[in-house]
Amino acid sequence: MNPIKQHYRLKKPCANCPFLKEGAIPLSRGRLEGIISTLIEDDHSTFQCHKTVHSKRGGNWDDEGNYESSGHESMCAGAAAYLMKRGRPTVGMRFAFATGDAAPSDWDSSREVVID
């Protein structure tokens, strides 16, 4: 699969996506705010779906807790919907829009279920 399409293939948040208004996986205090801050302040960044990271095809963690991507991860659909809701798609998202590998409307159906 095209690596750009692969990265933006998820269009609906997982059942326990941390970006959901209801049913979000509990994160440590300040973690979600930190993720959001990074995504907004560094539009070259991304946030990968936990279900694609913690899977057979996901990458590896070293002894210091650093993650090495396998290339099979995808951007969190909740994060993408949140960014679109805020009018702040990442550089990668905008590139995917320009190449036709994703569309700005891809996450429209998730806008109401993700946090403001």
PDB file of N, CA and C in Angstrom:
ATOM      1  N   MET A   1       0.852  -1.189   0.000  1.00  0.00           N
ATOM      2  CA  MET A   1       0.000   0.000   0.000  1.00  0.00           C
ATOM      3  C   MET A   1       0.892   1.246   0.000  1.00  0.00           C
ATOM      4  N   ASN A   2       0.443   2.254  -0.681  1.00  0.00           N
ATOM      5  CA  ASN A   2       1.099   3.556  -0.692  1.00  0.00           C
ATOM      6  C   ASN A   2       1.301   4.000   0.765  1.00  0.00           C
ATOM      7  N   PRO A   3       2.531   4.375   1.155  1.00  0.00           N
ATOM      8  CA  PRO A   3       2.775   4.713   2.563  1.00  0.00           C
ATOM      9  C   PRO A   3       1.985   5.921   3.065  1.00  0.00           C
ATOM     10  N   ILE A   4       1.647   6.840   2.178  1.00  0.00           N
ATOM     11  CA  ILE A   4       0.851   7.997   2.607  1.00  0.00           C
ATOM     12  C   ILE A   4      -0.585   7.555   2.876  1.00  0.00           C
ATOM     13  N   LYS A   5      -1.150   6.783   1.952  1.00  0.00           N
ATOM     14  CA  LYS A   5      -2.505   6.237   2.176  1.00  0.00           C
ATOM     15  C   LYS A   5      -2.529   5.395   3.447  1.00  0.00           C
ATOM     16  N   GLN A   6      -1.480   4.601   3.658  1.00  0.00           N
ATOM     17  CA  GLN A   6      -1.372   3.752   4.850  1.00  0.00           C
ATOM     18  C   GLN A   6      -1.443   4.610   6.114  1.00  0.00           C
ATOM     19  N   HIS A   7      -0.697   5.705   6.121  1.00  0.00           N
ATOM     20  CA  HIS A   7      -0.638   6.535   7.321  1.00  0.00           C
ATOM     21  C   HIS A   7      -1.975   7.218   7.619  1.00  0.00           C
ATOM     22  N   TYR A   8      -2.740   7.536   6.586  1.00  0.00           N
ATOM     23  CA  TYR A   8      -4.014   8.250   6.769  1.00  0.00           C
ATOM     24  C   TYR A   8      -5.231   7.378   6.479  1.00  0.00           C
ATOM     25  N   ARG A   9      -5.086   6.070   6.605  1.00  0.00           N
ATOM     26  CA  ARG A   9      -6.178   5.151   6.247  1.00  0.00           C
ATOM     27  C   ARG A   9      -7.307   5.109   7.270  1.00  0.00           C
ATOM     28  N   LEU A  10      -7.044   5.438   8.516  1.00  0.00           N
ATOM     29  CA  LEU A  10      -8.075   5.378   9.556  1.00  0.00           C
ATOM     30  C   LEU A  10      -8.933   6.639   9.509  1.00  0.00           C
ATOM     31  N   LYS A  11     -10.226   6.455   9.365  1.00  0.00           N
ATOM     32  CA  LYS A  11     -11.144   7.595   9.222  1.00  0.00           C
ATOM     33  C   LYS A  11     -12.080   7.764  10.412  1.00  0.00           C
ATOM     34  N   LYS A  12     -12.195   6.746  11.249  1.00  0.00           N
ATOM     35  CA  LYS A  12     -13.056   6.811  12.437  1.00  0.00           C
ATOM     36  C   LYS A  12     -12.224   6.433  13.664  1.00  0.00           C
ATOM     37  N   PRO A  13     -12.400   7.158  14.762  1.00  0.00           N
ATOM     38  CA  PRO A  13     -11.646   6.843  15.974  1.00  0.00           C
ATOM     39  C   PRO A  13     -11.979   5.444  16.505  1.00  0.00           C
ATOM     40  N   CYS A  14     -10.998   4.829  17.134  1.00  0.00           N
ATOM     41  CA  CYS A  14     -11.210   3.547  17.814  1.00  0.00           C
ATOM     42  C   CYS A  14     -12.225   3.756  18.943  1.00  0.00           C
ATOM     43  N   ALA A  15     -12.786   2.679  19.437  1.00  0.00           N
ATOM     44  CA  ALA A  15     -13.805   2.752  20.491  1.00  0.00           C
ATOM     45  C   ALA A  15     -13.295   3.423  21.762  1.00  0.00           C
ATOM     46  N   ASN A  16     -11.980   3.356  22.010  1.00  0.00           N
ATOM     47  CA  ASN A  16     -11.423   3.980  23.212  1.00  0.00           C
ATOM     48  C   ASN A  16     -10.354   5.023  22.871  1.00  0.00           C
ATOM     49  N   CYS A  17     -10.483   5.642  21.726  1.00  0.00           N
ATOM     50  CA  CYS A  17      -9.547   6.683  21.281  1.00  0.00           C
ATOM     51  C   CYS A  17      -9.444   7.780  22.343  1.00  0.00           C
ATOM     52  N   PRO A  18      -8.235   8.238  22.658  1.00  0.00           N
ATOM     53  CA  PRO A  18      -8.107   9.284  23.675  1.00  0.00           C
ATOM     54  C   PRO A  18      -8.725  10.626  23.278  1.00  0.00           C
ATOM     55  N   PHE A  19      -9.061  10.795  22.009  1.00  0.00           N
ATOM     56  CA  PHE A  19      -9.663  12.050  21.553  1.00  0.00           C
ATOM     57  C   PHE A  19     -11.189  12.045  21.621  1.00  0.00           C
ATOM     58  N   LEU A  20     -11.785  10.937  22.026  1.00  0.00           N
ATOM     59  CA  LEU A  20     -13.245  10.862  22.116  1.00  0.00           C
ATOM     60  C   LEU A  20     -13.779  11.664  23.298  1.00  0.00           C
ATOM     61  N   LYS A  21     -14.948  12.261  23.105  1.00  0.00           N
ATOM     62  CA  LYS A  21     -15.635  12.945  24.202  1.00  0.00           C
ATOM     63  C   LYS A  21     -16.086  11.934  25.247  1.00  0.00           C
ATOM     64  N   GLU A  22     -16.530  10.767  24.799  1.00  0.00           N
ATOM     65  CA  GLU A  22     -17.017   9.719  25.702  1.00  0.00           C
ATOM     66  C   GLU A  22     -16.338   8.398  25.369  1.00  0.00           C
ATOM     67  N   GLY A  23     -15.926   7.672  26.393  1.00  0.00           N
ATOM     68  CA  GLY A  23     -15.345   6.348  26.214  1.00  0.00           C
ATOM     69  C   GLY A  23     -13.852   6.331  25.948  1.00  0.00           C
ATOM     70  N   ALA A  24     -13.192   7.472  26.101  1.00  0.00           N
ATOM     71  CA  ALA A  24     -11.752   7.555  25.834  1.00  0.00           C
ATOM     72  C   ALA A  24     -10.950   6.748  26.845  1.00  0.00           C
ATOM     73  N   ILE A  25      -9.870   6.169  26.375  1.00  0.00           N
ATOM     74  CA  ILE A  25      -8.955   5.453  27.253  1.00  0.00           C
ATOM     75  C   ILE A  25      -8.370   6.460  28.251  1.00  0.00           C
ATOM     76  N   PRO A  26      -8.287   6.090  29.519  1.00  0.00           N
ATOM     77  CA  PRO A  26      -7.706   7.030  30.485  1.00  0.00           C
ATOM     78  C   PRO A  26      -6.197   7.162  30.258  1.00  0.00           C
ATOM     79  N   LEU A  27      -5.735   8.383  30.191  1.00  0.00           N
ATOM     80  CA  LEU A  27      -4.307   8.659  30.055  1.00  0.00           C
ATOM     81  C   LEU A  27      -3.816   9.315  31.333  1.00  0.00           C
ATOM     82  N   SER A  28      -2.506   9.289  31.533  1.00  0.00           N
ATOM     83  CA  SER A  28      -1.964   9.954  32.715  1.00  0.00           C
ATOM     84  C   SER A  28      -2.252  11.453  32.640  1.00  0.00           C
ATOM     85  N   ARG A  29      -2.312  12.068  33.790  1.00  0.00           N
ATOM     86  CA  ARG A  29      -2.658  13.489  33.894  1.00  0.00           C
ATOM     87  C   ARG A  29      -1.758  14.330  32.981  1.00  0.00           C
ATOM     88  N   GLY A  30      -2.378  15.143  32.142  1.00  0.00           N
ATOM     89  CA  GLY A  30      -1.647  16.038  31.259  1.00  0.00           C
ATOM     90  C   GLY A  30      -1.187  15.428  29.945  1.00  0.00           C
ATOM     91  N   ARG A  31      -1.327  14.109  29.795  1.00  0.00           N
ATOM     92  CA  ARG A  31      -0.836  13.441  28.584  1.00  0.00           C
ATOM     93  C   ARG A  31      -1.580  13.911  27.338  1.00  0.00           C
ATOM     94  N   LEU A  32      -2.901  13.930  27.368  1.00  0.00           N
ATOM     95  CA  LEU A  32      -3.655  14.348  26.187  1.00  0.00           C
ATOM     96  C   LEU A  32      -3.339  15.802  25.835  1.00  0.00           C
ATOM     97  N   GLU A  33      -3.241  16.654  26.838  1.00  0.00           N
ATOM     98  CA  GLU A  33      -2.903  18.054  26.597  1.00  0.00           C
ATOM     99  C   GLU A  33      -1.531  18.167  25.943  1.00  0.00           C
ATOM    100  N   GLY A  34      -0.599  17.310  26.361  1.00  0.00           N
ATOM    101  CA  GLY A  34       0.742  17.297  25.769  1.00  0.00           C
ATOM    102  C   GLY A  34       0.721  16.854  24.315  1.00  0.00           C
ATOM    103  N   ILE A  35      -0.083  15.844  24.022  1.00  0.00           N
ATOM    104  CA  ILE A  35      -0.221  15.366  22.641  1.00  0.00           C
ATOM    105  C   ILE A  35      -0.791  16.482  21.772  1.00  0.00           C
ATOM    106  N   ILE A  36      -1.851  17.113  22.260  1.00  0.00           N
ATOM    107  CA  ILE A  36      -2.491  18.196  21.509  1.00  0.00           C
ATOM    108  C   ILE A  36      -1.513  19.349  21.302  1.00  0.00           C
ATOM    109  N   SER A  37      -0.802  19.721  22.338  1.00  0.00           N
ATOM    110  CA  SER A  37       0.157  20.817  22.252  1.00  0.00           C
ATOM    111  C   SER A  37       1.214  20.531  21.187  1.00  0.00           C
ATOM    112  N   THR A  38       1.734  19.321  21.170  1.00  0.00           N
ATOM    113  CA  THR A  38       2.734  18.946  20.166  1.00  0.00           C
ATOM    114  C   THR A  38       2.150  19.017  18.768  1.00  0.00           C
ATOM    115  N   LEU A  39       0.947  18.480  18.586  1.00  0.00           N
ATOM    116  CA  LEU A  39       0.318  18.494  17.263  1.00  0.00           C
ATOM    117  C   LEU A  39       0.063  19.915  16.766  1.00  0.00           C
ATOM    118  N   ILE A  40      -0.359  20.797  17.650  1.00  0.00           N
ATOM    119  CA  ILE A  40      -0.669  22.179  17.263  1.00  0.00           C
ATOM    120  C   ILE A  40       0.609  22.999  17.054  1.00  0.00           C
ATOM    121  N   GLU A  41       1.576  22.831  17.951  1.00  0.00           N
ATOM    122  CA  GLU A  41       2.796  23.639  17.882  1.00  0.00           C
ATOM    123  C   GLU A  41       3.781  23.158  16.826  1.00  0.00           C
ATOM    124  N   ASP A  42       3.734  21.877  16.483  1.00  0.00           N
ATOM    125  CA  ASP A  42       4.661  21.315  15.493  1.00  0.00           C
ATOM    126  C   ASP A  42       3.859  20.599  14.423  1.00  0.00           C
ATOM    127  N   ASP A  43       3.519  21.318  13.371  1.00  0.00           N
ATOM    128  CA  ASP A  43       2.661  20.696  12.360  1.00  0.00           C
ATOM    129  C   ASP A  43       3.410  19.727  11.453  1.00  0.00           C
ATOM    130  N   HIS A  44       4.674  19.450  11.774  1.00  0.00           N
ATOM    131  CA  HIS A  44       5.402  18.368  11.111  1.00  0.00           C
ATOM    132  C   HIS A  44       5.226  17.055  11.879  1.00  0.00           C
ATOM    133  N   SER A  45       4.567  17.113  13.016  1.00  0.00           N
ATOM    134  CA  SER A  45       4.399  15.927  13.860  1.00  0.00           C
ATOM    135  C   SER A  45       3.166  15.131  13.456  1.00  0.00           C
ATOM    136  N   THR A  46       3.016  13.975  14.085  1.00  0.00           N
ATOM    137  CA  THR A  46       1.834  13.140  13.911  1.00  0.00           C
ATOM    138  C   THR A  46       1.572  12.440  15.236  1.00  0.00           C
ATOM    139  N   PHE A  47       0.447  11.811  15.350  1.00  0.00           N
ATOM    140  CA  PHE A  47       0.148  10.981  16.513  1.00  0.00           C
ATOM    141  C   PHE A  47      -0.424   9.687  15.977  1.00  0.00           C
ATOM    142  N   GLN A  48       0.296   8.601  16.214  1.00  0.00           N
ATOM    143  CA  GLN A  48      -0.106   7.311  15.666  1.00  0.00           C
ATOM    144  C   GLN A  48      -1.148   6.629  16.542  1.00  0.00           C
ATOM    145  N   CYS A  49      -2.078   5.954  15.892  1.00  0.00           N
ATOM    146  CA  CYS A  49      -3.117   5.197  16.589  1.00  0.00           C
ATOM    147  C   CYS A  49      -2.475   4.123  17.457  1.00  0.00           C
ATOM    148  N   HIS A  50      -2.895   4.058  18.709  1.00  0.00           N
ATOM    149  CA  HIS A  50      -2.326   3.072  19.633  1.00  0.00           C
ATOM    150  C   HIS A  50      -2.555   1.642  19.159  1.00  0.00           C
ATOM    151  N   LYS A  51      -3.625   1.420  18.432  1.00  0.00           N
ATOM    152  CA  LYS A  51      -3.895   0.057  17.967  1.00  0.00           C
ATOM    153  C   LYS A  51      -3.003  -0.336  16.797  1.00  0.00           C
ATOM    154  N   THR A  52      -2.418   0.634  16.098  1.00  0.00           N
ATOM    155  CA  THR A  52      -1.470   0.288  15.036  1.00  0.00           C
ATOM    156  C   THR A  52      -0.050   0.216  15.583  1.00  0.00           C
ATOM    157  N   VAL A  53       0.204   0.902  16.690  1.00  0.00           N
ATOM    158  CA  VAL A  53       1.516   0.834  17.338  1.00  0.00           C
ATOM    159  C   VAL A  53       1.640  -0.483  18.107  1.00  0.00           C
ATOM    160  N   HIS A  54       0.618  -0.794  18.898  1.00  0.00           N
ATOM    161  CA  HIS A  54       0.625  -2.005  19.725  1.00  0.00           C
ATOM    162  C   HIS A  54      -0.065  -3.142  18.970  1.00  0.00           C
ATOM    163  N   SER A  55       0.576  -3.582  17.901  1.00  0.00           N
ATOM    164  CA  SER A  55       0.046  -4.678  17.089  1.00  0.00           C
ATOM    165  C   SER A  55       1.214  -5.514  16.583  1.00  0.00           C
ATOM    166  N   LYS A  56       0.899  -6.650  15.969  1.00  0.00           N
ATOM    167  CA  LYS A  56       1.948  -7.517  15.423  1.00  0.00           C
ATOM    168  C   LYS A  56       2.816  -6.785  14.408  1.00  0.00           C
ATOM    169  N   ARG A  57       2.195  -5.877  13.660  1.00  0.00           N
ATOM    170  CA  ARG A  57       2.924  -5.161  12.615  1.00  0.00           C
ATOM    171  C   ARG A  57       3.505  -3.839  13.100  1.00  0.00           C
ATOM    172  N   GLY A  58       3.291  -3.529  14.366  1.00  0.00           N
ATOM    173  CA  GLY A  58       3.820  -2.285  14.923  1.00  0.00           C
ATOM    174  C   GLY A  58       5.327  -2.349  15.081  1.00  0.00           C
ATOM    175  N   GLY A  59       5.906  -1.244  15.488  1.00  0.00           N
ATOM    176  CA  GLY A  59       7.353  -1.147  15.636  1.00  0.00           C
ATOM    177  C   GLY A  59       7.850  -1.742  16.942  1.00  0.00           C
ATOM    178  N   ASN A  60       9.030  -1.296  17.337  1.00  0.00           N
ATOM    179  CA  ASN A  60       9.687  -1.831  18.524  1.00  0.00           C
ATOM    180  C   ASN A  60      10.016  -0.721  19.510  1.00  0.00           C
ATOM    181  N   TRP A  61       9.994  -1.081  20.787  1.00  0.00           N
ATOM    182  CA  TRP A  61      10.365  -0.172  21.866  1.00  0.00           C
ATOM    183  C   TRP A  61      11.756  -0.556  22.352  1.00  0.00           C
ATOM    184  N   ASP A  62      12.631   0.423  22.557  1.00  0.00           N
ATOM    185  CA  ASP A  62      13.944   0.108  23.104  1.00  0.00           C
ATOM    186  C   ASP A  62      13.886   0.151  24.629  1.00  0.00           C
ATOM    187  N   ASP A  63      15.015  -0.117  25.265  1.00  0.00           N
ATOM    188  CA  ASP A  63      15.062  -0.187  26.726  1.00  0.00           C
ATOM    189  C   ASP A  63      14.776   1.148  27.411  1.00  0.00           C
ATOM    190  N   GLU A  64      14.957   2.249  26.687  1.00  0.00           N
ATOM    191  CA  GLU A  64      14.677   3.572  27.250  1.00  0.00           C
ATOM    192  C   GLU A  64      13.246   4.026  26.993  1.00  0.00           C
ATOM    193  N   GLY A  65      12.449   3.187  26.330  1.00  0.00           N
ATOM    194  CA  GLY A  65      11.062   3.532  26.057  1.00  0.00           C
ATOM    195  C   GLY A  65      10.853   4.311  24.774  1.00  0.00           C
ATOM    196  N   ASN A  66      11.882   4.381  23.926  1.00  0.00           N
ATOM    197  CA  ASN A  66      11.756   5.057  22.632  1.00  0.00           C
ATOM    198  C   ASN A  66      11.181   4.089  21.612  1.00  0.00           C
ATOM    199  N   TYR A  67      10.333   4.605  20.758  1.00  0.00           N
ATOM    200  CA  TYR A  67       9.633   3.778  19.779  1.00  0.00           C
ATOM    201  C   TYR A  67      10.261   3.926  18.405  1.00  0.00           C
ATOM    202  N   GLU A  68      10.527   2.801  17.759  1.00  0.00           N
ATOM    203  CA  GLU A  68      11.016   2.790  16.380  1.00  0.00           C
ATOM    204  C   GLU A  68       9.895   2.264  15.499  1.00  0.00           C
ATOM    205  N   SER A  69       9.419   3.123  14.630  1.00  0.00           N
ATOM    206  CA  SER A  69       8.281   2.810  13.769  1.00  0.00           C
ATOM    207  C   SER A  69       8.599   1.681  12.792  1.00  0.00           C
ATOM    208  N   SER A  70       7.583   0.882  12.493  1.00  0.00           N
ATOM    209  CA  SER A  70       7.729  -0.193  11.509  1.00  0.00           C
ATOM    210  C   SER A  70       7.312   0.263  10.113  1.00  0.00           C
ATOM    211  N   GLY A  71       6.589   1.375  10.041  1.00  0.00           N
ATOM    212  CA  GLY A  71       6.059   1.838   8.764  1.00  0.00           C
ATOM    213  C   GLY A  71       4.644   1.352   8.502  1.00  0.00           C
ATOM    214  N   HIS A  72       4.114   0.534   9.400  1.00  0.00           N
ATOM    215  CA  HIS A  72       2.747   0.024   9.252  1.00  0.00           C
ATOM    216  C   HIS A  72       1.755   0.780  10.138  1.00  0.00           C
ATOM    217  N   GLU A  73       2.242   1.746  10.889  1.00  0.00           N
ATOM    218  CA  GLU A  73       1.375   2.521  11.764  1.00  0.00           C
ATOM    219  C   GLU A  73       0.529   3.499  10.941  1.00  0.00           C
ATOM    220  N   SER A  74      -0.564   3.941  11.533  1.00  0.00           N
ATOM    221  CA  SER A  74      -1.435   4.931  10.897  1.00  0.00           C
ATOM    222  C   SER A  74      -1.717   6.051  11.885  1.00  0.00           C
ATOM    223  N   MET A  75      -1.999   7.226  11.349  1.00  0.00           N
ATOM    224  CA  MET A  75      -2.342   8.350  12.213  1.00  0.00           C
ATOM    225  C   MET A  75      -3.653   8.064  12.927  1.00  0.00           C
ATOM    226  N   CYS A  76      -3.716   8.459  14.169  1.00  0.00           N
ATOM    227  CA  CYS A  76      -4.928   8.337  14.972  1.00  0.00           C
ATOM    228  C   CYS A  76      -6.048   9.133  14.299  1.00  0.00           C
ATOM    229  N   ALA A  77      -7.147   8.465  13.995  1.00  0.00           N
ATOM    230  CA  ALA A  77      -8.280   9.132  13.344  1.00  0.00           C
ATOM    231  C   ALA A  77      -8.889  10.194  14.250  1.00  0.00           C
ATOM    232  N   GLY A  78      -8.870   9.954  15.550  1.00  0.00           N
ATOM    233  CA  GLY A  78      -9.375  10.952  16.487  1.00  0.00           C
ATOM    234  C   GLY A  78      -8.522  12.211  16.467  1.00  0.00           C
ATOM    235  N   ALA A  79      -7.205  12.035  16.407  1.00  0.00           N
ATOM    236  CA  ALA A  79      -6.302  13.186  16.326  1.00  0.00           C
ATOM    237  C   ALA A  79      -6.522  13.940  15.023  1.00  0.00           C
ATOM    238  N   ALA A  80      -6.676  13.205  13.924  1.00  0.00           N
ATOM    239  CA  ALA A  80      -6.911  13.839  12.621  1.00  0.00           C
ATOM    240  C   ALA A  80      -8.229  14.613  12.631  1.00  0.00           C
ATOM    241  N   ALA A  81      -9.282  14.010  13.172  1.00  0.00           N
ATOM    242  CA  ALA A  81     -10.584  14.685  13.238  1.00  0.00           C
ATOM    243  C   ALA A  81     -10.494  15.926  14.122  1.00  0.00           C
ATOM    244  N   TYR A  82      -9.788  15.809  15.244  1.00  0.00           N
ATOM    245  CA  TYR A  82      -9.596  16.954  16.138  1.00  0.00           C
ATOM    246  C   TYR A  82      -8.884  18.094  15.406  1.00  0.00           C
ATOM    247  N   LEU A  83      -7.801  17.762  14.702  1.00  0.00           N
ATOM    248  CA  LEU A  83      -7.052  18.790  13.975  1.00  0.00           C
ATOM    249  C   LEU A  83      -7.894  19.442  12.882  1.00  0.00           C
ATOM    250  N   MET A  84      -8.690  18.648  12.177  1.00  0.00           N
ATOM    251  CA  MET A  84      -9.556  19.209  11.138  1.00  0.00           C
ATOM    252  C   MET A  84     -10.624  20.106  11.766  1.00  0.00           C
ATOM    253  N   LYS A  85     -11.126  19.697  12.908  1.00  0.00           N
ATOM    254  CA  LYS A  85     -12.124  20.494  13.628  1.00  0.00           C
ATOM    255  C   LYS A  85     -11.542  21.856  14.018  1.00  0.00           C
ATOM    256  N   ARG A  86     -10.277  21.866  14.365  1.00  0.00           N
ATOM    257  CA  ARG A  86      -9.578  23.097  14.751  1.00  0.00           C
ATOM    258  C   ARG A  86      -9.044  23.870  13.545  1.00  0.00           C
ATOM    259  N   GLY A  87      -9.142  23.293  12.348  1.00  0.00           N
ATOM    260  CA  GLY A  87      -8.597  23.940  11.159  1.00  0.00           C
ATOM    261  C   GLY A  87      -7.081  23.937  11.136  1.00  0.00           C
ATOM    262  N   ARG A  88      -6.467  22.879  11.731  1.00  0.00           N
ATOM    263  CA  ARG A  88      -5.019  22.809  11.875  1.00  0.00           C
ATOM    264  C   ARG A  88      -4.441  21.481  11.382  1.00  0.00           C
ATOM    265  N   PRO A  89      -4.728  21.060  10.155  1.00  0.00           N
ATOM    266  CA  PRO A  89      -4.140  19.806   9.684  1.00  0.00           C
ATOM    267  C   PRO A  89      -2.616  19.910   9.647  1.00  0.00           C
ATOM    268  N   THR A  90      -1.955  18.799   9.882  1.00  0.00           N
ATOM    269  CA  THR A  90      -0.493  18.779   9.863  1.00  0.00           C
ATOM    270  C   THR A  90       0.022  18.931   8.432  1.00  0.00           C
ATOM    271  N   VAL A  91       1.318  19.158   8.312  1.00  0.00           N
ATOM    272  CA  VAL A  91       1.951  19.225   6.992  1.00  0.00           C
ATOM    273  C   VAL A  91       1.710  17.917   6.245  1.00  0.00           C
ATOM    274  N   GLY A  92       1.856  16.796   6.937  1.00  0.00           N
ATOM    275  CA  GLY A  92       1.629  15.493   6.305  1.00  0.00           C
ATOM    276  C   GLY A  92       0.206  15.344   5.796  1.00  0.00           C
ATOM    277  N   MET A  93      -0.749  15.805   6.577  1.00  0.00           N
ATOM    278  CA  MET A  93      -2.148  15.744   6.150  1.00  0.00           C
ATOM    279  C   MET A  93      -2.354  16.604   4.907  1.00  0.00           C
ATOM    280  N   ARG A  94      -1.791  17.805   4.918  1.00  0.00           N
ATOM    281  CA  ARG A  94      -1.944  18.698   3.764  1.00  0.00           C
ATOM    282  C   ARG A  94      -1.278  18.108   2.525  1.00  0.00           C
ATOM    283  N   PHE A  95      -0.151  17.439   2.709  1.00  0.00           N
ATOM    284  CA  PHE A  95       0.508  16.766   1.589  1.00  0.00           C
ATOM    285  C   PHE A  95      -0.401  15.665   1.042  1.00  0.00           C
ATOM    286  N   ALA A  96      -1.002  14.889   1.944  1.00  0.00           N
ATOM    287  CA  ALA A  96      -1.923  13.822   1.519  1.00  0.00           C
ATOM    288  C   ALA A  96      -3.121  14.403   0.773  1.00  0.00           C
ATOM    289  N   PHE A  97      -3.602  15.557   1.183  1.00  0.00           N
ATOM    290  CA  PHE A  97      -4.703  16.214   0.466  1.00  0.00           C
ATOM    291  C   PHE A  97      -4.253  16.608  -0.939  1.00  0.00           C
ATOM    292  N   ALA A  98      -3.041  17.157  -1.035  1.00  0.00           N
ATOM    293  CA  ALA A  98      -2.528  17.624  -2.330  1.00  0.00           C
ATOM    294  C   ALA A  98      -2.292  16.474  -3.305  1.00  0.00           C
ATOM    295  N   THR A  99      -1.913  15.315  -2.777  1.00  0.00           N
ATOM    296  CA  THR A  99      -1.634  14.162  -3.643  1.00  0.00           C
ATOM    297  C   THR A  99      -2.862  13.291  -3.881  1.00  0.00           C
ATOM    298  N   GLY A 100      -3.961  13.594  -3.199  1.00  0.00           N
ATOM    299  CA  GLY A 100      -5.176  12.804  -3.358  1.00  0.00           C
ATOM    300  C   GLY A 100      -5.194  11.532  -2.530  1.00  0.00           C
ATOM    301  N   ASP A 101      -4.225  11.396  -1.613  1.00  0.00           N
ATOM    302  CA  ASP A 101      -4.174  10.204  -0.763  1.00  0.00           C
ATOM    303  C   ASP A 101      -5.095  10.314   0.447  1.00  0.00           C
ATOM    304  N   ALA A 102      -5.617  11.484   0.687  1.00  0.00           N
ATOM    305  CA  ALA A 102      -6.622  11.734   1.730  1.00  0.00           C
ATOM    306  C   ALA A 102      -7.375  12.989   1.293  1.00  0.00           C
ATOM    307  N   ALA A 103      -8.522  13.204   1.910  1.00  0.00           N
ATOM    308  CA  ALA A 103      -9.327  14.392   1.602  1.00  0.00           C
ATOM    309  C   ALA A 103      -9.696  15.088   2.904  1.00  0.00           C
ATOM    310  N   PRO A 104      -9.808  16.411   2.890  1.00  0.00           N
ATOM    311  CA  PRO A 104     -10.190  17.117   4.114  1.00  0.00           C
ATOM    312  C   PRO A 104     -11.495  16.605   4.720  1.00  0.00           C
ATOM    313  N   SER A 105     -12.372  16.080   3.906  1.00  0.00           N
ATOM    314  CA  SER A 105     -13.670  15.590   4.398  1.00  0.00           C
ATOM    315  C   SER A 105     -13.606  14.178   4.987  1.00  0.00           C
ATOM    316  N   ASP A 106     -12.463  13.521   4.912  1.00  0.00           N
ATOM    317  CA  ASP A 106     -12.352  12.129   5.377  1.00  0.00           C
ATOM    318  C   ASP A 106     -12.768  11.937   6.834  1.00  0.00           C
ATOM    319  N   TRP A 107     -12.574  12.949   7.662  1.00  0.00           N
ATOM    320  CA  TRP A 107     -12.860  12.816   9.092  1.00  0.00           C
ATOM    321  C   TRP A 107     -14.100  13.596   9.517  1.00  0.00           C
ATOM    322  N   ASP A 108     -14.875  14.094   8.552  1.00  0.00           N
ATOM    323  CA  ASP A 108     -16.079  14.879   8.872  1.00  0.00           C
ATOM    324  C   ASP A 108     -17.055  14.123   9.768  1.00  0.00           C
ATOM    325  N   SER A 109     -17.234  12.839   9.524  1.00  0.00           N
ATOM    326  CA  SER A 109     -18.214  12.069  10.304  1.00  0.00           C
ATOM    327  C   SER A 109     -17.774  11.868  11.755  1.00  0.00           C
ATOM    328  N   SER A 110     -16.515  12.168  12.062  1.00  0.00           N
ATOM    329  CA  SER A 110     -16.003  11.991  13.424  1.00  0.00           C
ATOM    330  C   SER A 110     -15.906  13.292  14.206  1.00  0.00           C
ATOM    331  N   ARG A 111     -16.170  14.393  13.564  1.00  0.00           N
ATOM    332  CA  ARG A 111     -16.003  15.701  14.214  1.00  0.00           C
ATOM    333  C   ARG A 111     -16.820  15.836  15.495  1.00  0.00           C
ATOM    334  N   GLU A 112     -18.037  15.347  15.491  1.00  0.00           N
ATOM    335  CA  GLU A 112     -18.915  15.529  16.651  1.00  0.00           C
ATOM    336  C   GLU A 112     -18.551  14.641  17.837  1.00  0.00           C
ATOM    337  N   VAL A 113     -17.843  13.547  17.599  1.00  0.00           N
ATOM    338  CA  VAL A 113     -17.535  12.628  18.699  1.00  0.00           C
ATOM    339  C   VAL A 113     -16.184  12.898  19.345  1.00  0.00           C
ATOM    340  N   VAL A 114     -15.363  13.753  18.712  1.00  0.00           N
ATOM    341  CA  VAL A 114     -14.065  14.061  19.309  1.00  0.00           C
ATOM    342  C   VAL A 114     -14.154  15.346  20.126  1.00  0.00           C
ATOM    343  N   ILE A 115     -13.216  15.478  21.028  1.00  0.00           N
ATOM    344  CA  ILE A 115     -13.189  16.624  21.936  1.00  0.00           C
ATOM    345  C   ILE A 115     -13.081  17.941  21.177  1.00  0.00           C
ATOM    346  N   ASP A 116     -13.472  19.009  21.861  1.00  0.00           N
ATOM    347  CA  ASP A 116     -13.344  20.354  21.293  1.00  0.00           C
ATOM    348  C   ASP A 116     -12.022  20.920  21.719  1.00  0.00           C
TER     349      ASP A 116
END
